[in-house]
């Protein structure tokens, strides 16, 4: 169930795109969030509140892109996970070697 829930988190990025790039109305964004995010109206409203807040709205890309990047970097290795917690790493430091 956690894997499915994580996949559904990408809906938040789509809702942000709808709001900030496509100019969708709040009602259209709410309907999209409910349908594709499989959340009730109250949860969808909280999502929109976060995605439209002046302070927090930019964080959506950090959450959606950062988790997979950190997970790949750590790869189940406790030492690499400790680096995530203890060092100031840039996204370029986390990217797999080309």
PDB file of N, CA and C in Angstrom:
ATOM      1  N   UNK A   1       0.818  -1.194   0.000  1.00  0.00           N
ATOM      2  CA  UNK A   1       0.000   0.000   0.000  1.00  0.00           C
ATOM      3  C   UNK A   1       0.862   1.258   0.000  1.00  0.00           C
ATOM      4  N   UNK A   2       2.009   1.227   0.654  1.00  0.00           N
ATOM      5  CA  UNK A   2       2.884   2.392   0.690  1.00  0.00           C
ATOM      6  C   UNK A   2       3.367   2.768  -0.704  1.00  0.00           C
ATOM      7  N   UNK A   3       3.646   1.778  -1.536  1.00  0.00           N
ATOM      8  CA  UNK A   3       4.109   2.051  -2.895  1.00  0.00           C
ATOM      9  C   UNK A   3       3.020   2.769  -3.692  1.00  0.00           C
ATOM     10  N   UNK A   4       1.778   2.295  -3.569  1.00  0.00           N
ATOM     11  CA  UNK A   4       0.670   2.951  -4.267  1.00  0.00           C
ATOM     12  C   UNK A   4       0.472   4.366  -3.748  1.00  0.00           C
ATOM     13  N   UNK A   5       0.572   4.544  -2.448  1.00  0.00           N
ATOM     14  CA  UNK A   5       0.424   5.875  -1.863  1.00  0.00           C
ATOM     15  C   UNK A   5       1.496   6.827  -2.357  1.00  0.00           C
ATOM     16  N   UNK A   6       2.708   6.342  -2.476  1.00  0.00           N
ATOM     17  CA  UNK A   6       3.793   7.174  -2.987  1.00  0.00           C
ATOM     18  C   UNK A   6       3.548   7.561  -4.431  1.00  0.00           C
ATOM     19  N   UNK A   7       3.073   6.631  -5.225  1.00  0.00           N
ATOM     20  CA  UNK A   7       2.775   6.935  -6.624  1.00  0.00           C
ATOM     21  C   UNK A   7       1.697   8.009  -6.727  1.00  0.00           C
ATOM     22  N   UNK A   8       0.722   7.944  -5.847  1.00  0.00           N
ATOM     23  CA  UNK A   8      -0.354   8.932  -5.865  1.00  0.00           C
ATOM     24  C   UNK A   8       0.127  10.313  -5.423  1.00  0.00           C
ATOM     25  N   UNK A   9       1.245  10.371  -4.730  1.00  0.00           N
ATOM     26  CA  UNK A   9       1.782  11.673  -4.318  1.00  0.00           C
ATOM     27  C   UNK A   9       2.111  12.555  -5.520  1.00  0.00           C
ATOM     28  N   UNK A  10       2.402  11.942  -6.657  1.00  0.00           N
ATOM     29  CA  UNK A  10       2.720  12.726  -7.846  1.00  0.00           C
ATOM     30  C   UNK A  10       1.536  13.561  -8.308  1.00  0.00           C
ATOM     31  N   UNK A  11       0.352  13.192  -7.874  1.00  0.00           N
ATOM     32  CA  UNK A  11      -0.839  13.986  -8.202  1.00  0.00           C
ATOM     33  C   UNK A  11      -0.668  15.406  -7.670  1.00  0.00           C
ATOM     34  N   UNK A  12      -0.023  15.552  -6.530  1.00  0.00           N
ATOM     35  CA  UNK A  12       0.185  16.892  -5.960  1.00  0.00           C
ATOM     36  C   UNK A  12       0.967  17.780  -6.927  1.00  0.00           C
ATOM     37  N   UNK A  13       1.962  17.202  -7.579  1.00  0.00           N
ATOM     38  CA  UNK A  13       2.717  17.962  -8.576  1.00  0.00           C
ATOM     39  C   UNK A  13       1.847  18.371  -9.745  1.00  0.00           C
ATOM     40  N   UNK A  14       0.967  17.484 -10.169  1.00  0.00           N
ATOM     41  CA  UNK A  14       0.053  17.811 -11.258  1.00  0.00           C
ATOM     42  C   UNK A  14      -0.902  18.932 -10.853  1.00  0.00           C
ATOM     43  N   UNK A  15      -1.380  18.873  -9.614  1.00  0.00           N
ATOM     44  CA  UNK A  15      -2.295  19.915  -9.126  1.00  0.00           C
ATOM     45  C   UNK A  15      -1.560  21.253  -9.091  1.00  0.00           C
ATOM     46  N   UNK A  16      -0.324  21.254  -8.646  1.00  0.00           N
ATOM     47  CA  UNK A  16       0.464  22.488  -8.628  1.00  0.00           C
ATOM     48  C   UNK A  16       0.626  23.035 -10.044  1.00  0.00           C
ATOM     49  N   UNK A  17       0.914  22.161 -10.984  1.00  0.00           N
ATOM     50  CA  UNK A  17       1.044  22.572 -12.382  1.00  0.00           C
ATOM     51  C   UNK A  17      -0.268  23.166 -12.892  1.00  0.00           C
ATOM     52  N   UNK A  18      -1.372  22.492 -12.592  1.00  0.00           N
ATOM     53  CA  UNK A  18      -2.681  23.001 -13.017  1.00  0.00           C
ATOM     54  C   UNK A  18      -2.923  24.407 -12.483  1.00  0.00           C
ATOM     55  N   UNK A  19      -2.620  24.610 -11.213  1.00  0.00           N
ATOM     56  CA  UNK A  19      -2.872  25.906 -10.575  1.00  0.00           C
ATOM     57  C   UNK A  19      -1.946  27.000 -11.079  1.00  0.00           C
ATOM     58  N   UNK A  20      -0.655  26.714 -11.087  1.00  0.00           N
ATOM     59  CA  UNK A  20       0.339  27.765 -11.297  1.00  0.00           C
ATOM     60  C   UNK A  20       0.759  27.947 -12.740  1.00  0.00           C
ATOM     61  N   UNK A  21       0.588  26.927 -13.564  1.00  0.00           N
ATOM     62  CA  UNK A  21       0.995  27.049 -14.959  1.00  0.00           C
ATOM     63  C   UNK A  21      -0.206  27.135 -15.897  1.00  0.00           C
ATOM     64  N   UNK A  22      -1.185  26.307 -15.633  1.00  0.00           N
ATOM     65  CA  UNK A  22      -2.354  26.257 -16.511  1.00  0.00           C
ATOM     66  C   UNK A  22      -3.448  27.244 -16.106  1.00  0.00           C
ATOM     67  N   UNK A  23      -3.354  27.814 -14.905  1.00  0.00           N
ATOM     68  CA  UNK A  23      -4.344  28.778 -14.452  1.00  0.00           C
ATOM     69  C   UNK A  23      -5.696  28.164 -14.120  1.00  0.00           C
ATOM     70  N   UNK A  24      -5.690  26.899 -13.727  1.00  0.00           N
ATOM     71  CA  UNK A  24      -6.948  26.224 -13.371  1.00  0.00           C
ATOM     72  C   UNK A  24      -7.576  26.893 -12.158  1.00  0.00           C
ATOM     73  N   UNK A  25      -8.879  26.804 -12.088  1.00  0.00           N
ATOM     74  CA  UNK A  25      -9.592  27.339 -10.921  1.00  0.00           C
ATOM     75  C   UNK A  25      -9.365  26.417  -9.726  1.00  0.00           C
ATOM     76  N   UNK A  26      -9.610  26.946  -8.550  1.00  0.00           N
ATOM     77  CA  UNK A  26      -9.486  26.132  -7.341  1.00  0.00           C
ATOM     78  C   UNK A  26     -10.428  24.940  -7.392  1.00  0.00           C
ATOM     79  N   UNK A  27     -11.636  25.157  -7.901  1.00  0.00           N
ATOM     80  CA  UNK A  27     -12.607  24.056  -7.980  1.00  0.00           C
ATOM     81  C   UNK A  27     -12.137  22.961  -8.928  1.00  0.00           C
ATOM     82  N   UNK A  28     -11.571  23.347 -10.064  1.00  0.00           N
ATOM     83  CA  UNK A  28     -11.053  22.343 -11.001  1.00  0.00           C
ATOM     84  C   UNK A  28      -9.872  21.586 -10.384  1.00  0.00           C
ATOM     85  N   UNK A  29      -9.011  22.320  -9.688  1.00  0.00           N
ATOM     86  CA  UNK A  29      -7.867  21.687  -9.035  1.00  0.00           C
ATOM     87  C   UNK A  29      -8.333  20.738  -7.927  1.00  0.00           C
ATOM     88  N   UNK A  30      -9.338  21.155  -7.173  1.00  0.00           N
ATOM     89  CA  UNK A  30      -9.899  20.291  -6.123  1.00  0.00           C
ATOM     90  C   UNK A  30     -10.483  19.014  -6.720  1.00  0.00           C
ATOM     91  N   UNK A  31     -11.227  19.167  -7.800  1.00  0.00           N
ATOM     92  CA  UNK A  31     -11.834  18.000  -8.448  1.00  0.00           C
ATOM     93  C   UNK A  31     -10.756  17.046  -8.951  1.00  0.00           C
ATOM     94  N   UNK A  32      -9.695  17.597  -9.539  1.00  0.00           N
ATOM     95  CA  UNK A  32      -8.589  16.762 -10.024  1.00  0.00           C
ATOM     96  C   UNK A  32      -7.929  16.031  -8.861  1.00  0.00           C
ATOM     97  N   UNK A  33      -7.651  16.758  -7.790  1.00  0.00           N
ATOM     98  CA  UNK A  33      -7.005  16.154  -6.619  1.00  0.00           C
ATOM     99  C   UNK A  33      -7.844  15.028  -6.044  1.00  0.00           C
ATOM    100  N   UNK A  34      -9.143  15.254  -5.958  1.00  0.00           N
ATOM    101  CA  UNK A  34     -10.019  14.218  -5.405  1.00  0.00           C
ATOM    102  C   UNK A  34     -10.071  12.993  -6.316  1.00  0.00           C
ATOM    103  N   UNK A  35     -10.227  13.223  -7.599  1.00  0.00           N
ATOM    104  CA  UNK A  35     -10.367  12.100  -8.525  1.00  0.00           C
ATOM    105  C   UNK A  35      -9.079  11.296  -8.637  1.00  0.00           C
ATOM    106  N   UNK A  36      -7.990  11.961  -8.954  1.00  0.00           N
ATOM    107  CA  UNK A  36      -6.750  11.257  -9.257  1.00  0.00           C
ATOM    108  C   UNK A  36      -5.898  10.987  -8.022  1.00  0.00           C
ATOM    109  N   UNK A  37      -6.072  11.777  -6.969  1.00  0.00           N
ATOM    110  CA  UNK A  37      -5.326  11.559  -5.741  1.00  0.00           C
ATOM    111  C   UNK A  37      -6.051  10.650  -4.767  1.00  0.00           C
ATOM    112  N   UNK A  38      -7.287  10.317  -5.118  1.00  0.00           N
ATOM    113  CA  UNK A  38      -8.104   9.435  -4.283  1.00  0.00           C
ATOM    114  C   UNK A  38      -8.220   9.954  -2.854  1.00  0.00           C
ATOM    115  N   UNK A  39      -8.485  11.264  -2.747  1.00  0.00           N
ATOM    116  CA  UNK A  39      -8.638  11.885  -1.435  1.00  0.00           C
ATOM    117  C   UNK A  39     -10.019  12.529  -1.335  1.00  0.00           C
ATOM    118  N   UNK A  40     -10.478  12.734  -0.104  1.00  0.00           N
ATOM    119  CA  UNK A  40     -11.762  13.402   0.085  1.00  0.00           C
ATOM    120  C   UNK A  40     -11.583  14.914  -0.078  1.00  0.00           C
ATOM    121  N   UNK A  41     -12.676  15.616  -0.087  1.00  0.00           N
ATOM    122  CA  UNK A  41     -12.630  17.060  -0.327  1.00  0.00           C
ATOM    123  C   UNK A  41     -11.797  17.789   0.731  1.00  0.00           C
ATOM    124  N   UNK A  42     -11.947  17.408   1.987  1.00  0.00           N
ATOM    125  CA  UNK A  42     -11.199  18.062   3.043  1.00  0.00           C
ATOM    126  C   UNK A  42      -9.691  17.929   2.804  1.00  0.00           C
ATOM    127  N   UNK A  43      -9.248  16.737   2.441  1.00  0.00           N
ATOM    128  CA  UNK A  43      -7.813  16.507   2.182  1.00  0.00           C
ATOM    129  C   UNK A  43      -7.364  17.276   0.946  1.00  0.00           C
ATOM    130  N   UNK A  44      -8.225  17.325  -0.077  1.00  0.00           N
ATOM    131  CA  UNK A  44      -7.899  18.083  -1.285  1.00  0.00           C
ATOM    132  C   UNK A  44      -7.780  19.575  -0.982  1.00  0.00           C
ATOM    133  N   UNK A  45      -8.639  20.076  -0.121  1.00  0.00           N
ATOM    134  CA  UNK A  45      -8.566  21.487   0.270  1.00  0.00           C
ATOM    135  C   UNK A  45      -7.263  21.788   0.996  1.00  0.00           C
ATOM    136  N   UNK A  46      -6.831  20.888   1.866  1.00  0.00           N
ATOM    137  CA  UNK A  46      -5.554  21.064   2.567  1.00  0.00           C
ATOM    138  C   UNK A  46      -4.395  21.063   1.563  1.00  0.00           C
ATOM    139  N   UNK A  47      -4.502  20.186   0.561  1.00  0.00           N
ATOM    140  CA  UNK A  47      -3.476  20.126  -0.479  1.00  0.00           C
ATOM    141  C   UNK A  47      -3.377  21.474  -1.192  1.00  0.00           C
ATOM    142  N   UNK A  48      -4.516  22.027  -1.581  1.00  0.00           N
ATOM    143  CA  UNK A  48      -4.516  23.321  -2.265  1.00  0.00           C
ATOM    144  C   UNK A  48      -4.017  24.435  -1.353  1.00  0.00           C
ATOM    145  N   UNK A  49      -4.355  24.357  -0.081  1.00  0.00           N
ATOM    146  CA  UNK A  49      -3.870  25.354   0.876  1.00  0.00           C
ATOM    147  C   UNK A  49      -2.341  25.375   0.884  1.00  0.00           C
ATOM    148  N   UNK A  50      -1.733  24.205   0.911  1.00  0.00           N
ATOM    149  CA  UNK A  50      -0.269  24.092   0.888  1.00  0.00           C
ATOM    150  C   UNK A  50       0.290  24.589  -0.448  1.00  0.00           C
ATOM    151  N   UNK A  51      -0.335  24.176  -1.549  1.00  0.00           N
ATOM    152  CA  UNK A  51       0.177  24.486  -2.882  1.00  0.00           C
ATOM    153  C   UNK A  51       0.001  25.944  -3.282  1.00  0.00           C
ATOM    154  N   UNK A  52      -0.797  26.683  -2.535  1.00  0.00           N
ATOM    155  CA  UNK A  52      -0.990  28.094  -2.845  1.00  0.00           C
ATOM    156  C   UNK A  52      -0.404  29.021  -1.783  1.00  0.00           C
ATOM    157  N   UNK A  53       0.158  28.461  -0.731  1.00  0.00           N
ATOM    158  CA  UNK A  53       0.755  29.267   0.332  1.00  0.00           C
ATOM    159  C   UNK A  53       2.057  29.893  -0.176  1.00  0.00           C
ATOM    160  N   UNK A  54       2.210  31.182   0.053  1.00  0.00           N
ATOM    161  CA  UNK A  54       3.399  31.914  -0.421  1.00  0.00           C
ATOM    162  C   UNK A  54       4.708  31.275   0.050  1.00  0.00           C
ATOM    163  N   UNK A  55       4.721  30.789   1.265  1.00  0.00           N
ATOM    164  CA  UNK A  55       5.942  30.218   1.829  1.00  0.00           C
ATOM    165  C   UNK A  55       6.194  28.795   1.374  1.00  0.00           C
ATOM    166  N   UNK A  56       5.167  27.976   1.331  1.00  0.00           N
ATOM    167  CA  UNK A  56       5.351  26.537   1.166  1.00  0.00           C
ATOM    168  C   UNK A  56       5.160  25.992  -0.239  1.00  0.00           C
ATOM    169  N   UNK A  57       4.551  26.746  -1.138  1.00  0.00           N
ATOM    170  CA  UNK A  57       4.179  26.190  -2.442  1.00  0.00           C
ATOM    171  C   UNK A  57       5.355  25.688  -3.268  1.00  0.00           C
ATOM    172  N   UNK A  58       6.528  26.260  -3.105  1.00  0.00           N
ATOM    173  CA  UNK A  58       7.682  25.812  -3.890  1.00  0.00           C
ATOM    174  C   UNK A  58       8.249  24.479  -3.406  1.00  0.00           C
ATOM    175  N   UNK A  59       7.871  24.064  -2.203  1.00  0.00           N
ATOM    176  CA  UNK A  59       8.421  22.839  -1.638  1.00  0.00           C
ATOM    177  C   UNK A  59       7.937  21.571  -2.334  1.00  0.00           C
ATOM    178  N   UNK A  60       6.849  21.650  -3.096  1.00  0.00           N
ATOM    179  CA  UNK A  60       6.294  20.447  -3.700  1.00  0.00           C
ATOM    180  C   UNK A  60       7.335  19.733  -4.555  1.00  0.00           C
ATOM    181  N   UNK A  61       8.146  20.477  -5.282  1.00  0.00           N
ATOM    182  CA  UNK A  61       9.152  19.829  -6.125  1.00  0.00           C
ATOM    183  C   UNK A  61      10.222  19.153  -5.279  1.00  0.00           C
ATOM    184  N   UNK A  62      10.532  19.727  -4.121  1.00  0.00           N
ATOM    185  CA  UNK A  62      11.510  19.088  -3.226  1.00  0.00           C
ATOM    186  C   UNK A  62      11.004  17.728  -2.750  1.00  0.00           C
ATOM    187  N   UNK A  63       9.724  17.693  -2.392  1.00  0.00           N
ATOM    188  CA  UNK A  63       9.157  16.446  -1.878  1.00  0.00           C
ATOM    189  C   UNK A  63       9.057  15.391  -2.974  1.00  0.00           C
ATOM    190  N   UNK A  64       8.581  15.804  -4.132  1.00  0.00           N
ATOM    191  CA  UNK A  64       8.351  14.829  -5.197  1.00  0.00           C
ATOM    192  C   UNK A  64       9.639  14.340  -5.838  1.00  0.00           C
ATOM    193  N   UNK A  65      10.616  15.205  -5.976  1.00  0.00           N
ATOM    194  CA  UNK A  65      11.872  14.830  -6.619  1.00  0.00           C
ATOM    195  C   UNK A  65      12.924  14.378  -5.611  1.00  0.00           C
ATOM    196  N   UNK A  66      12.853  14.923  -4.402  1.00  0.00           N
ATOM    197  CA  UNK A  66      13.882  14.639  -3.405  1.00  0.00           C
ATOM    198  C   UNK A  66      13.837  13.229  -2.842  1.00  0.00           C
ATOM    199  N   UNK A  67      12.649  12.726  -2.566  1.00  0.00           N
ATOM    200  CA  UNK A  67      12.548  11.386  -1.977  1.00  0.00           C
ATOM    201  C   UNK A  67      13.179  10.314  -2.862  1.00  0.00           C
ATOM    202  N   UNK A  68      12.820  10.229  -4.146  1.00  0.00           N
ATOM    203  CA  UNK A  68      13.459   9.203  -4.981  1.00  0.00           C
ATOM    204  C   UNK A  68      14.974   9.399  -5.106  1.00  0.00           C
ATOM    205  N   UNK A  69      15.401  10.656  -5.172  1.00  0.00           N
ATOM    206  CA  UNK A  69      16.831  10.939  -5.282  1.00  0.00           C
ATOM    207  C   UNK A  69      17.574  10.476  -4.034  1.00  0.00           C
ATOM    208  N   UNK A  70      17.032  10.787  -2.850  1.00  0.00           N
ATOM    209  CA  UNK A  70      17.657  10.358  -1.591  1.00  0.00           C
ATOM    210  C   UNK A  70      17.600   8.847  -1.426  1.00  0.00           C
ATOM    211  N   UNK A  71      16.490   8.262  -1.804  1.00  0.00           N
ATOM    212  CA  UNK A  71      16.343   6.811  -1.690  1.00  0.00           C
ATOM    213  C   UNK A  71      17.366   6.088  -2.577  1.00  0.00           C
ATOM    214  N   UNK A  72      17.542   6.574  -3.792  1.00  0.00           N
ATOM    215  CA  UNK A  72      18.521   5.975  -4.701  1.00  0.00           C
ATOM    216  C   UNK A  72      19.935   6.164  -4.167  1.00  0.00           C
ATOM    217  N   UNK A  73      20.215   7.353  -3.660  1.00  0.00           N
ATOM    218  CA  UNK A  73      21.552   7.624  -3.113  1.00  0.00           C
ATOM    219  C   UNK A  73      21.869   6.685  -1.955  1.00  0.00           C
ATOM    220  N   UNK A  74      20.957   6.569  -1.015  1.00  0.00           N
ATOM    221  CA  UNK A  74      21.204   5.728   0.160  1.00  0.00           C
ATOM    222  C   UNK A  74      21.223   4.256  -0.207  1.00  0.00           C
ATOM    223  N   UNK A  75      20.318   3.844  -1.067  1.00  0.00           N
ATOM    224  CA  UNK A  75      20.308   2.466  -1.548  1.00  0.00           C
ATOM    225  C   UNK A  75      20.307   1.418  -0.449  1.00  0.00           C
ATOM    226  N   UNK A  76      19.740   1.741   0.699  1.00  0.00           N
ATOM    227  CA  UNK A  76      19.702   0.787   1.804  1.00  0.00           C
ATOM    228  C   UNK A  76      20.993   0.710   2.608  1.00  0.00           C
ATOM    229  N   UNK A  77      21.973   1.517   2.267  1.00  0.00           N
ATOM    230  CA  UNK A  77      23.263   1.528   2.959  1.00  0.00           C
ATOM    231  C   UNK A  77      23.189   2.490   4.145  1.00  0.00           C
ATOM    232  N   UNK A  78      23.332   1.992   5.388  1.00  0.00           N
ATOM    233  CA  UNK A  78      23.239   2.856   6.567  1.00  0.00           C
ATOM    234  C   UNK A  78      24.251   4.010   6.569  1.00  0.00           C
ATOM    235  N   UNK A  79      25.442   3.776   6.035  1.00  0.00           N
ATOM    236  CA  UNK A  79      26.447   4.839   6.012  1.00  0.00           C
ATOM    237  C   UNK A  79      26.044   5.969   5.064  1.00  0.00           C
ATOM    238  N   UNK A  80      25.484   5.605   3.925  1.00  0.00           N
ATOM    239  CA  UNK A  80      25.045   6.633   2.982  1.00  0.00           C
ATOM    240  C   UNK A  80      23.820   7.375   3.531  1.00  0.00           C
ATOM    241  N   UNK A  81      22.948   6.653   4.221  1.00  0.00           N
ATOM    242  CA  UNK A  81      21.799   7.306   4.856  1.00  0.00           C
ATOM    243  C   UNK A  81      22.285   8.288   5.920  1.00  0.00           C
ATOM    244  N   UNK A  82      23.291   7.906   6.677  1.00  0.00           N
ATOM    245  CA  UNK A  82      23.858   8.802   7.698  1.00  0.00           C
ATOM    246  C   UNK A  82      24.415  10.066   7.051  1.00  0.00           C
ATOM    247  N   UNK A  83      24.991   9.937   5.858  1.00  0.00           N
ATOM    248  CA  UNK A  83      25.482  11.119   5.141  1.00  0.00           C
ATOM    249  C   UNK A  83      24.337  12.078   4.828  1.00  0.00           C
ATOM    250  N   UNK A  84      23.189  11.515   4.456  1.00  0.00           N
ATOM    251  CA  UNK A  84      22.029  12.371   4.175  1.00  0.00           C
ATOM    252  C   UNK A  84      21.642  13.193   5.399  1.00  0.00           C
ATOM    253  N   UNK A  85      21.771  12.586   6.557  1.00  0.00           N
ATOM    254  CA  UNK A  85      21.369  13.249   7.787  1.00  0.00           C
ATOM    255  C   UNK A  85      22.426  14.202   8.336  1.00  0.00           C
ATOM    256  N   UNK A  86      23.687  13.948   8.031  1.00  0.00           N
ATOM    257  CA  UNK A  86      24.769  14.671   8.692  1.00  0.00           C
ATOM    258  C   UNK A  86      25.557  15.632   7.818  1.00  0.00           C
ATOM    259  N   UNK A  87      25.415  15.531   6.512  1.00  0.00           N
ATOM    260  CA  UNK A  87      26.188  16.386   5.609  1.00  0.00           C
ATOM    261  C   UNK A  87      25.252  17.287   4.806  1.00  0.00           C
ATOM    262  N   UNK A  88      25.782  18.405   4.387  1.00  0.00           N
ATOM    263  CA  UNK A  88      25.031  19.279   3.489  1.00  0.00           C
ATOM    264  C   UNK A  88      25.363  18.858   2.064  1.00  0.00           C
ATOM    265  N   UNK A  89      24.457  18.095   1.482  1.00  0.00           N
ATOM    266  CA  UNK A  89      24.653  17.579   0.138  1.00  0.00           C
ATOM    267  C   UNK A  89      23.774  18.322  -0.858  1.00  0.00           C
ATOM    268  N   UNK A  90      24.294  18.509  -2.043  1.00  0.00           N
ATOM    269  CA  UNK A  90      23.527  19.117  -3.127  1.00  0.00           C
ATOM    270  C   UNK A  90      22.882  18.013  -3.963  1.00  0.00           C
ATOM    271  N   UNK A  91      21.851  18.342  -4.717  1.00  0.00           N
ATOM    272  CA  UNK A  91      21.263  17.311  -5.597  1.00  0.00           C
ATOM    273  C   UNK A  91      22.303  16.654  -6.502  1.00  0.00           C
ATOM    274  N   UNK A  92      23.268  17.421  -6.966  1.00  0.00           N
ATOM    275  CA  UNK A  92      24.323  16.847  -7.817  1.00  0.00           C
ATOM    276  C   UNK A  92      25.148  15.800  -7.056  1.00  0.00           C
ATOM    277  N   UNK A  93      25.261  15.959  -5.741  1.00  0.00           N
ATOM    278  CA  UNK A  93      25.993  14.975  -4.929  1.00  0.00           C
ATOM    279  C   UNK A  93      25.219  13.660  -4.817  1.00  0.00           C
ATOM    280  N   UNK A  94      23.913  13.738  -4.983  1.00  0.00           N
ATOM    281  CA  UNK A  94      23.057  12.566  -4.809  1.00  0.00           C
ATOM    282  C   UNK A  94      22.817  11.817  -6.109  1.00  0.00           C
ATOM    283  N   UNK A  95      23.019  12.482  -7.213  1.00  0.00           N
ATOM    284  CA  UNK A  95      22.716  11.878  -8.522  1.00  0.00           C
ATOM    285  C   UNK A  95      23.657  10.702  -8.781  1.00  0.00           C
ATOM    286  N   UNK A  96      23.117   9.651  -9.385  1.00  0.00           N
ATOM    287  CA  UNK A  96      23.965   8.500  -9.734  1.00  0.00           C
ATOM    288  C   UNK A  96      25.072   8.935 -10.676  1.00  0.00           C
ATOM    289  N   UNK A  97      26.225   8.321 -10.535  1.00  0.00           N
ATOM    290  CA  UNK A  97      27.361   8.633 -11.415  1.00  0.00           C
ATOM    291  C   UNK A  97      27.014   8.253 -12.850  1.00  0.00           C
ATOM    292  N   UNK A  98      27.350   9.137 -13.749  1.00  0.00           N
ATOM    293  CA  UNK A  98      27.039   8.899 -15.174  1.00  0.00           C
ATOM    294  C   UNK A  98      28.058   8.012 -15.823  1.00  0.00           C
TER     295      UNK A  98
END
